Protein backbone atom coordinates (compact mmCIF):
# COMPACT_ATOMS: atom_id res chain seq x y z
CA UNK A 1 0.00 0.00 0.00
CA UNK A 2 2.76 2.44 0.92
CA UNK A 3 4.66 1.67 -2.29
CA UNK A 4 1.51 2.53 -4.25
CA UNK A 5 1.18 5.89 -2.48
CA UNK A 6 -1.59 4.91 -0.07
CA UNK A 7 -0.33 6.76 2.99
CA UNK A 8 -3.52 7.16 4.97
CA UNK A 9 -3.70 3.98 7.03
CA UNK A 10 -0.82 2.54 9.09
CA UNK A 11 -0.12 -1.14 8.79
CA UNK A 12 -1.65 -3.10 11.66
CA UNK A 13 0.86 -4.80 13.96
CA UNK A 14 -1.70 -6.60 16.16
CA UNK A 15 -0.91 -10.16 15.05
CA UNK A 16 2.79 -9.81 14.29
CA UNK A 17 5.76 -11.26 16.12
CA UNK A 18 8.37 -9.03 17.74
CA UNK A 19 10.89 -8.60 14.85
CA UNK A 20 8.19 -8.09 12.21
CA UNK A 21 6.26 -5.84 14.56
CA UNK A 22 9.33 -3.61 15.17
CA UNK A 23 10.04 -3.36 11.45
CA UNK A 24 6.42 -2.51 10.63
CA UNK A 25 6.32 0.11 13.41
CA UNK A 26 9.43 1.71 11.84
CA UNK A 27 7.76 1.56 8.43
CA UNK A 28 4.63 3.18 9.89
CA UNK A 29 6.85 5.88 11.41
CA UNK A 30 8.45 6.53 7.98
CA UNK A 31 4.95 6.63 6.51
CA UNK A 32 3.94 9.32 9.04
CA UNK A 33 7.04 11.35 8.17
CA UNK A 34 6.22 11.12 4.47
CA UNK A 35 2.64 12.26 5.17
CA UNK A 36 3.91 15.31 7.07
CA UNK A 37 6.41 16.14 4.31
CA UNK A 38 3.76 15.81 1.60
CA UNK A 39 1.34 18.00 3.59
CA UNK A 40 4.05 20.65 4.09
CA UNK A 41 4.93 20.57 0.40
CA UNK A 42 1.26 20.93 -0.59
CA UNK A 43 0.87 23.89 1.78
CA UNK A 44 4.00 25.48 0.34
CA UNK A 45 2.73 25.03 -3.21
CA UNK A 46 -0.65 26.58 -2.29
CA UNK A 47 1.11 29.56 -0.68
CA UNK A 48 3.31 30.03 -3.77
CA UNK A 49 0.29 29.91 -6.05
CA UNK A 50 -1.54 32.39 -3.82
CA UNK A 51 1.49 34.71 -3.81
CA UNK A 52 1.79 34.58 -7.59
CA UNK A 53 -1.93 35.28 -7.97
CA UNK A 54 -1.83 38.25 -5.57
CA UNK A 55 1.35 39.74 -7.02
CA UNK A 56 0.09 39.27 -10.58
CA UNK A 57 -3.05 41.21 -9.67
CA UNK A 58 -1.01 43.92 -7.94
CA UNK A 59 1.27 44.26 -10.97
CA UNK A 60 -1.62 44.29 -13.43
CA UNK A 61 -3.30 47.29 -11.76
CA UNK A 62 -0.52 49.89 -12.28
CA UNK A 63 0.35 48.39 -15.66
CA UNK A 64 -3.24 48.86 -16.88
CA UNK A 65 -3.17 52.42 -15.61
CA UNK A 66 0.13 53.10 -17.39
CA UNK A 67 -1.24 51.74 -20.65
CA UNK A 68 -4.40 53.86 -20.34
CA UNK A 69 -2.51 57.05 -19.55
CA UNK A 70 -0.04 56.47 -22.38
CA UNK A 71 -3.08 56.24 -24.68
CA UNK A 72 -4.56 59.46 -23.22
CA UNK A 73 -1.20 61.22 -23.51
CA UNK A 74 -0.84 60.09 -27.14
CA UNK A 75 -4.30 61.46 -27.93
CA UNK A 76 -3.57 64.73 -26.13
CA UNK A 77 -0.27 65.20 -27.95
CA UNK A 78 -2.00 64.39 -31.26
CA UNK A 79 -4.31 67.41 -30.90
CA UNK A 80 -3.61 70.65 -32.72
CA UNK A 81 -3.29 72.44 -29.37
CA UNK A 82 -2.42 69.98 -26.58
CA UNK A 83 -3.35 71.02 -23.03
CA UNK A 84 -0.04 71.40 -21.16
CA UNK A 85 -1.70 70.95 -17.76
CA UNK A 86 -3.33 67.66 -18.80
CA UNK A 87 -0.03 66.51 -20.32
CA UNK A 88 1.85 67.27 -17.08
CA UNK A 89 -0.83 65.52 -15.02
CA UNK A 90 -0.72 62.42 -17.24
CA UNK A 91 3.08 62.33 -17.04
CA UNK A 92 2.98 62.59 -13.22
CA UNK A 93 0.48 59.73 -13.04
CA UNK A 94 2.62 57.66 -15.41
CA UNK A 95 5.66 58.33 -13.25
CA UNK A 96 3.87 57.29 -10.05
CA UNK A 97 2.44 54.11 -11.53
CA UNK A 98 5.73 53.20 -13.21
CA UNK A 99 7.56 53.54 -9.90
CA UNK A 100 4.86 51.49 -8.15
CA UNK A 101 5.20 48.78 -10.79
CA UNK A 102 8.99 48.81 -10.41
CA UNK A 103 8.62 48.43 -6.63
CA UNK A 104 6.15 45.54 -7.00
CA UNK A 105 8.49 43.73 -9.37
CA UNK A 106 11.41 44.24 -6.96
CA UNK A 107 9.24 42.91 -4.11
CA UNK A 108 8.44 39.83 -6.21
CA UNK A 109 12.13 39.24 -6.97
CA UNK A 110 13.03 39.66 -3.29
CA UNK A 111 10.24 37.30 -2.20
CA UNK A 112 11.52 34.74 -4.68
CA UNK A 113 15.06 35.13 -3.35
CA UNK A 114 13.83 34.82 0.23
CA UNK A 115 11.96 31.57 -0.46
CA UNK A 116 15.00 30.04 -2.10
CA UNK A 117 17.34 31.28 0.64
CA UNK A 118 19.38 33.40 -1.79
CA UNK A 119 18.89 36.74 -0.08
CA UNK A 120 21.71 38.67 1.54
CA UNK A 121 20.85 40.25 4.87
CA UNK A 122 22.95 42.81 6.72
CA UNK A 123 21.81 42.20 10.27
CA UNK A 124 22.53 45.09 12.60
CA UNK A 125 21.05 46.92 15.57
CA UNK A 126 18.07 48.92 14.19
CA UNK A 127 15.97 51.52 16.00
CA UNK A 128 12.39 50.47 15.17
CA UNK A 129 10.86 53.60 16.73
CA UNK A 130 12.93 55.79 14.44
CA UNK A 131 11.93 53.77 11.35
CA UNK A 132 8.23 53.97 12.22
CA UNK A 133 8.46 57.72 12.86
CA UNK A 134 10.23 58.17 9.50
CA UNK A 135 7.51 56.16 7.78
CA UNK A 136 4.82 58.23 9.50
CA UNK A 137 6.55 61.39 8.26
CA UNK A 138 6.78 60.04 4.73
CA UNK A 139 3.11 59.02 4.65
CA UNK A 140 1.81 62.05 6.57
CA UNK A 141 0.23 63.71 3.50
CA UNK A 142 -1.49 60.51 2.37
CA UNK A 143 -2.77 59.84 5.88
CA UNK A 144 -4.11 63.40 6.19
CA UNK A 145 -5.74 63.23 2.75
CA UNK A 146 -7.47 60.03 3.82
CA UNK A 147 -8.63 61.77 7.04
CA UNK A 148 -6.73 59.25 9.14
CA UNK A 149 -5.32 60.17 12.51
CA UNK A 150 -2.35 58.16 13.68
CA UNK A 151 -2.39 57.14 17.31
CA UNK A 152 1.06 56.18 18.48
CA UNK A 153 2.29 54.91 21.81
CA UNK A 154 5.85 54.29 22.90
CA UNK A 155 7.48 55.69 19.76
CA UNK A 156 9.24 58.47 21.69
CA UNK A 157 11.62 56.00 23.28
CA UNK A 158 14.14 53.95 21.32
CA UNK A 159 13.32 50.30 20.69
CA UNK A 160 16.09 48.26 19.08
CA UNK A 161 15.95 44.95 17.19
CA UNK A 162 18.48 42.91 15.28
CA UNK A 163 17.42 43.16 11.62
CA UNK A 164 18.35 44.33 8.14
CA UNK A 165 17.25 47.96 8.19
CA UNK A 166 16.48 48.05 4.45
CA UNK A 167 14.08 45.12 4.60
CA UNK A 168 12.53 46.24 7.87
CA UNK A 169 11.93 49.65 6.28
CA UNK A 170 10.20 47.93 3.36
CA UNK A 171 7.95 46.06 5.80
CA UNK A 172 6.77 49.35 7.31
CA UNK A 173 6.54 50.97 3.87
CA UNK A 174 4.34 48.12 2.64
CA UNK A 175 2.19 48.21 5.78
CA UNK A 176 1.58 51.94 5.45
C-alpha atoms as a PDB file:
ATOM      1  CA  UNK A   1       0.000   0.000   0.000  1.00  0.00           C
ATOM      2  CA  UNK A   2       2.758   2.444   0.918  1.00  0.00           C
ATOM      3  CA  UNK A   3       4.662   1.674  -2.292  1.00  0.00           C
ATOM      4  CA  UNK A   4       1.505   2.529  -4.248  1.00  0.00           C
ATOM      5  CA  UNK A   5       1.180   5.895  -2.478  1.00  0.00           C
ATOM      6  CA  UNK A   6      -1.586   4.913  -0.069  1.00  0.00           C
ATOM      7  CA  UNK A   7      -0.332   6.763   2.988  1.00  0.00           C
ATOM      8  CA  UNK A   8      -3.522   7.159   4.967  1.00  0.00           C
ATOM      9  CA  UNK A   9      -3.696   3.982   7.027  1.00  0.00           C
ATOM     10  CA  UNK A  10      -0.819   2.542   9.088  1.00  0.00           C
ATOM     11  CA  UNK A  11      -0.118  -1.144   8.794  1.00  0.00           C
ATOM     12  CA  UNK A  12      -1.652  -3.103  11.657  1.00  0.00           C
ATOM     13  CA  UNK A  13       0.864  -4.805  13.961  1.00  0.00           C
ATOM     14  CA  UNK A  14      -1.703  -6.598  16.158  1.00  0.00           C
ATOM     15  CA  UNK A  15      -0.912 -10.163  15.049  1.00  0.00           C
ATOM     16  CA  UNK A  16       2.794  -9.813  14.286  1.00  0.00           C
ATOM     17  CA  UNK A  17       5.761 -11.257  16.123  1.00  0.00           C
ATOM     18  CA  UNK A  18       8.370  -9.027  17.740  1.00  0.00           C
ATOM     19  CA  UNK A  19      10.887  -8.604  14.846  1.00  0.00           C
ATOM     20  CA  UNK A  20       8.190  -8.087  12.213  1.00  0.00           C
ATOM     21  CA  UNK A  21       6.255  -5.837  14.558  1.00  0.00           C
ATOM     22  CA  UNK A  22       9.326  -3.606  15.168  1.00  0.00           C
ATOM     23  CA  UNK A  23      10.040  -3.363  11.449  1.00  0.00           C
ATOM     24  CA  UNK A  24       6.419  -2.506  10.628  1.00  0.00           C
ATOM     25  CA  UNK A  25       6.324   0.109  13.408  1.00  0.00           C
ATOM     26  CA  UNK A  26       9.426   1.710  11.841  1.00  0.00           C
ATOM     27  CA  UNK A  27       7.760   1.555   8.426  1.00  0.00           C
ATOM     28  CA  UNK A  28       4.634   3.182   9.888  1.00  0.00           C
ATOM     29  CA  UNK A  29       6.853   5.882  11.406  1.00  0.00           C
ATOM     30  CA  UNK A  30       8.448   6.531   7.983  1.00  0.00           C
ATOM     31  CA  UNK A  31       4.946   6.630   6.514  1.00  0.00           C
ATOM     32  CA  UNK A  32       3.937   9.317   9.043  1.00  0.00           C
ATOM     33  CA  UNK A  33       7.043  11.352   8.167  1.00  0.00           C
ATOM     34  CA  UNK A  34       6.225  11.115   4.471  1.00  0.00           C
ATOM     35  CA  UNK A  35       2.639  12.259   5.174  1.00  0.00           C
ATOM     36  CA  UNK A  36       3.914  15.310   7.070  1.00  0.00           C
ATOM     37  CA  UNK A  37       6.411  16.137   4.311  1.00  0.00           C
ATOM     38  CA  UNK A  38       3.757  15.808   1.598  1.00  0.00           C
ATOM     39  CA  UNK A  39       1.339  18.000   3.591  1.00  0.00           C
ATOM     40  CA  UNK A  40       4.053  20.647   4.093  1.00  0.00           C
ATOM     41  CA  UNK A  41       4.929  20.570   0.403  1.00  0.00           C
ATOM     42  CA  UNK A  42       1.264  20.927  -0.590  1.00  0.00           C
ATOM     43  CA  UNK A  43       0.867  23.890   1.780  1.00  0.00           C
ATOM     44  CA  UNK A  44       4.005  25.483   0.344  1.00  0.00           C
ATOM     45  CA  UNK A  45       2.727  25.030  -3.208  1.00  0.00           C
ATOM     46  CA  UNK A  46      -0.646  26.579  -2.286  1.00  0.00           C
ATOM     47  CA  UNK A  47       1.108  29.558  -0.682  1.00  0.00           C
ATOM     48  CA  UNK A  48       3.313  30.031  -3.767  1.00  0.00           C
ATOM     49  CA  UNK A  49       0.288  29.910  -6.050  1.00  0.00           C
ATOM     50  CA  UNK A  50      -1.543  32.391  -3.824  1.00  0.00           C
ATOM     51  CA  UNK A  51       1.495  34.715  -3.811  1.00  0.00           C
ATOM     52  CA  UNK A  52       1.794  34.579  -7.587  1.00  0.00           C
ATOM     53  CA  UNK A  53      -1.927  35.284  -7.971  1.00  0.00           C
ATOM     54  CA  UNK A  54      -1.831  38.248  -5.573  1.00  0.00           C
ATOM     55  CA  UNK A  55       1.348  39.736  -7.022  1.00  0.00           C
ATOM     56  CA  UNK A  56       0.091  39.271 -10.579  1.00  0.00           C
ATOM     57  CA  UNK A  57      -3.047  41.210  -9.674  1.00  0.00           C
ATOM     58  CA  UNK A  58      -1.009  43.916  -7.938  1.00  0.00           C
ATOM     59  CA  UNK A  59       1.266  44.261 -10.975  1.00  0.00           C
ATOM     60  CA  UNK A  60      -1.623  44.294 -13.434  1.00  0.00           C
ATOM     61  CA  UNK A  61      -3.300  47.289 -11.764  1.00  0.00           C
ATOM     62  CA  UNK A  62      -0.523  49.891 -12.283  1.00  0.00           C
ATOM     63  CA  UNK A  63       0.350  48.390 -15.662  1.00  0.00           C
ATOM     64  CA  UNK A  64      -3.236  48.856 -16.884  1.00  0.00           C
ATOM     65  CA  UNK A  65      -3.172  52.419 -15.612  1.00  0.00           C
ATOM     66  CA  UNK A  66       0.134  53.097 -17.389  1.00  0.00           C
ATOM     67  CA  UNK A  67      -1.244  51.745 -20.648  1.00  0.00           C
ATOM     68  CA  UNK A  68      -4.401  53.856 -20.341  1.00  0.00           C
ATOM     69  CA  UNK A  69      -2.506  57.053 -19.546  1.00  0.00           C
ATOM     70  CA  UNK A  70      -0.037  56.474 -22.384  1.00  0.00           C
ATOM     71  CA  UNK A  71      -3.081  56.244 -24.675  1.00  0.00           C
ATOM     72  CA  UNK A  72      -4.563  59.460 -23.216  1.00  0.00           C
ATOM     73  CA  UNK A  73      -1.204  61.218 -23.514  1.00  0.00           C
ATOM     74  CA  UNK A  74      -0.839  60.093 -27.138  1.00  0.00           C
ATOM     75  CA  UNK A  75      -4.299  61.459 -27.933  1.00  0.00           C
ATOM     76  CA  UNK A  76      -3.569  64.729 -26.126  1.00  0.00           C
ATOM     77  CA  UNK A  77      -0.270  65.196 -27.952  1.00  0.00           C
ATOM     78  CA  UNK A  78      -1.996  64.385 -31.261  1.00  0.00           C
ATOM     79  CA  UNK A  79      -4.309  67.406 -30.903  1.00  0.00           C
ATOM     80  CA  UNK A  80      -3.608  70.654 -32.719  1.00  0.00           C
ATOM     81  CA  UNK A  81      -3.285  72.444 -29.370  1.00  0.00           C
ATOM     82  CA  UNK A  82      -2.424  69.982 -26.579  1.00  0.00           C
ATOM     83  CA  UNK A  83      -3.347  71.021 -23.029  1.00  0.00           C
ATOM     84  CA  UNK A  84      -0.036  71.396 -21.163  1.00  0.00           C
ATOM     85  CA  UNK A  85      -1.702  70.952 -17.756  1.00  0.00           C
ATOM     86  CA  UNK A  86      -3.325  67.658 -18.800  1.00  0.00           C
ATOM     87  CA  UNK A  87      -0.033  66.514 -20.321  1.00  0.00           C
ATOM     88  CA  UNK A  88       1.846  67.270 -17.079  1.00  0.00           C
ATOM     89  CA  UNK A  89      -0.835  65.525 -15.019  1.00  0.00           C
ATOM     90  CA  UNK A  90      -0.719  62.422 -17.238  1.00  0.00           C
ATOM     91  CA  UNK A  91       3.081  62.330 -17.037  1.00  0.00           C
ATOM     92  CA  UNK A  92       2.981  62.590 -13.221  1.00  0.00           C
ATOM     93  CA  UNK A  93       0.478  59.728 -13.035  1.00  0.00           C
ATOM     94  CA  UNK A  94       2.616  57.661 -15.415  1.00  0.00           C
ATOM     95  CA  UNK A  95       5.660  58.326 -13.251  1.00  0.00           C
ATOM     96  CA  UNK A  96       3.868  57.293 -10.055  1.00  0.00           C
ATOM     97  CA  UNK A  97       2.439  54.107 -11.534  1.00  0.00           C
ATOM     98  CA  UNK A  98       5.735  53.201 -13.211  1.00  0.00           C
ATOM     99  CA  UNK A  99       7.562  53.541  -9.898  1.00  0.00           C
ATOM    100  CA  UNK A 100       4.859  51.491  -8.152  1.00  0.00           C
ATOM    101  CA  UNK A 101       5.204  48.783 -10.786  1.00  0.00           C
ATOM    102  CA  UNK A 102       8.989  48.808 -10.413  1.00  0.00           C
ATOM    103  CA  UNK A 103       8.617  48.435  -6.631  1.00  0.00           C
ATOM    104  CA  UNK A 104       6.152  45.543  -7.000  1.00  0.00           C
ATOM    105  CA  UNK A 105       8.488  43.726  -9.365  1.00  0.00           C
ATOM    106  CA  UNK A 106      11.413  44.239  -6.960  1.00  0.00           C
ATOM    107  CA  UNK A 107       9.244  42.906  -4.112  1.00  0.00           C
ATOM    108  CA  UNK A 108       8.443  39.834  -6.211  1.00  0.00           C
ATOM    109  CA  UNK A 109      12.130  39.245  -6.965  1.00  0.00           C
ATOM    110  CA  UNK A 110      13.030  39.664  -3.286  1.00  0.00           C
ATOM    111  CA  UNK A 111      10.236  37.304  -2.205  1.00  0.00           C
ATOM    112  CA  UNK A 112      11.516  34.741  -4.682  1.00  0.00           C
ATOM    113  CA  UNK A 113      15.062  35.127  -3.350  1.00  0.00           C
ATOM    114  CA  UNK A 114      13.830  34.817   0.233  1.00  0.00           C
ATOM    115  CA  UNK A 115      11.956  31.571  -0.457  1.00  0.00           C
ATOM    116  CA  UNK A 116      15.004  30.036  -2.099  1.00  0.00           C
ATOM    117  CA  UNK A 117      17.341  31.279   0.644  1.00  0.00           C
ATOM    118  CA  UNK A 118      19.377  33.396  -1.794  1.00  0.00           C
ATOM    119  CA  UNK A 119      18.887  36.736  -0.080  1.00  0.00           C
ATOM    120  CA  UNK A 120      21.711  38.670   1.544  1.00  0.00           C
ATOM    121  CA  UNK A 121      20.853  40.249   4.868  1.00  0.00           C
ATOM    122  CA  UNK A 122      22.950  42.812   6.718  1.00  0.00           C
ATOM    123  CA  UNK A 123      21.814  42.202  10.272  1.00  0.00           C
ATOM    124  CA  UNK A 124      22.529  45.090  12.604  1.00  0.00           C
ATOM    125  CA  UNK A 125      21.047  46.919  15.570  1.00  0.00           C
ATOM    126  CA  UNK A 126      18.069  48.919  14.193  1.00  0.00           C
ATOM    127  CA  UNK A 127      15.972  51.516  16.005  1.00  0.00           C
ATOM    128  CA  UNK A 128      12.394  50.473  15.170  1.00  0.00           C
ATOM    129  CA  UNK A 129      10.864  53.598  16.730  1.00  0.00           C
ATOM    130  CA  UNK A 130      12.927  55.795  14.440  1.00  0.00           C
ATOM    131  CA  UNK A 131      11.931  53.770  11.349  1.00  0.00           C
ATOM    132  CA  UNK A 132       8.229  53.970  12.221  1.00  0.00           C
ATOM    133  CA  UNK A 133       8.461  57.716  12.864  1.00  0.00           C
ATOM    134  CA  UNK A 134      10.227  58.169   9.502  1.00  0.00           C
ATOM    135  CA  UNK A 135       7.505  56.156   7.777  1.00  0.00           C
ATOM    136  CA  UNK A 136       4.819  58.232   9.496  1.00  0.00           C
ATOM    137  CA  UNK A 137       6.552  61.387   8.265  1.00  0.00           C
ATOM    138  CA  UNK A 138       6.776  60.036   4.733  1.00  0.00           C
ATOM    139  CA  UNK A 139       3.112  59.019   4.654  1.00  0.00           C
ATOM    140  CA  UNK A 140       1.805  62.053   6.565  1.00  0.00           C
ATOM    141  CA  UNK A 141       0.231  63.711   3.500  1.00  0.00           C
ATOM    142  CA  UNK A 142      -1.487  60.514   2.372  1.00  0.00           C
ATOM    143  CA  UNK A 143      -2.769  59.837   5.880  1.00  0.00           C
ATOM    144  CA  UNK A 144      -4.115  63.400   6.194  1.00  0.00           C
ATOM    145  CA  UNK A 145      -5.739  63.233   2.747  1.00  0.00           C
ATOM    146  CA  UNK A 146      -7.470  60.027   3.822  1.00  0.00           C
ATOM    147  CA  UNK A 147      -8.630  61.774   7.041  1.00  0.00           C
ATOM    148  CA  UNK A 148      -6.732  59.254   9.140  1.00  0.00           C
ATOM    149  CA  UNK A 149      -5.317  60.171  12.513  1.00  0.00           C
ATOM    150  CA  UNK A 150      -2.348  58.156  13.680  1.00  0.00           C
ATOM    151  CA  UNK A 151      -2.389  57.140  17.313  1.00  0.00           C
ATOM    152  CA  UNK A 152       1.062  56.183  18.484  1.00  0.00           C
ATOM    153  CA  UNK A 153       2.286  54.909  21.809  1.00  0.00           C
ATOM    154  CA  UNK A 154       5.847  54.286  22.900  1.00  0.00           C
ATOM    155  CA  UNK A 155       7.476  55.694  19.762  1.00  0.00           C
ATOM    156  CA  UNK A 156       9.242  58.474  21.687  1.00  0.00           C
ATOM    157  CA  UNK A 157      11.620  55.995  23.283  1.00  0.00           C
ATOM    158  CA  UNK A 158      14.139  53.947  21.323  1.00  0.00           C
ATOM    159  CA  UNK A 159      13.324  50.297  20.687  1.00  0.00           C
ATOM    160  CA  UNK A 160      16.094  48.262  19.081  1.00  0.00           C
ATOM    161  CA  UNK A 161      15.953  44.949  17.194  1.00  0.00           C
ATOM    162  CA  UNK A 162      18.483  42.911  15.280  1.00  0.00           C
ATOM    163  CA  UNK A 163      17.416  43.165  11.625  1.00  0.00           C
ATOM    164  CA  UNK A 164      18.350  44.326   8.142  1.00  0.00           C
ATOM    165  CA  UNK A 165      17.246  47.963   8.192  1.00  0.00           C
ATOM    166  CA  UNK A 166      16.477  48.051   4.446  1.00  0.00           C
ATOM    167  CA  UNK A 167      14.081  45.119   4.599  1.00  0.00           C
ATOM    168  CA  UNK A 168      12.526  46.242   7.872  1.00  0.00           C
ATOM    169  CA  UNK A 169      11.930  49.655   6.282  1.00  0.00           C
ATOM    170  CA  UNK A 170      10.199  47.928   3.359  1.00  0.00           C
ATOM    171  CA  UNK A 171       7.954  46.058   5.803  1.00  0.00           C
ATOM    172  CA  UNK A 172       6.772  49.353   7.305  1.00  0.00           C
ATOM    173  CA  UNK A 173       6.542  50.972   3.871  1.00  0.00           C
ATOM    174  CA  UNK A 174       4.335  48.122   2.644  1.00  0.00           C
ATOM    175  CA  UNK A 175       2.191  48.208   5.785  1.00  0.00           C
ATOM    176  CA  UNK A 176       1.577  51.944   5.448  1.00  0.00           C
END
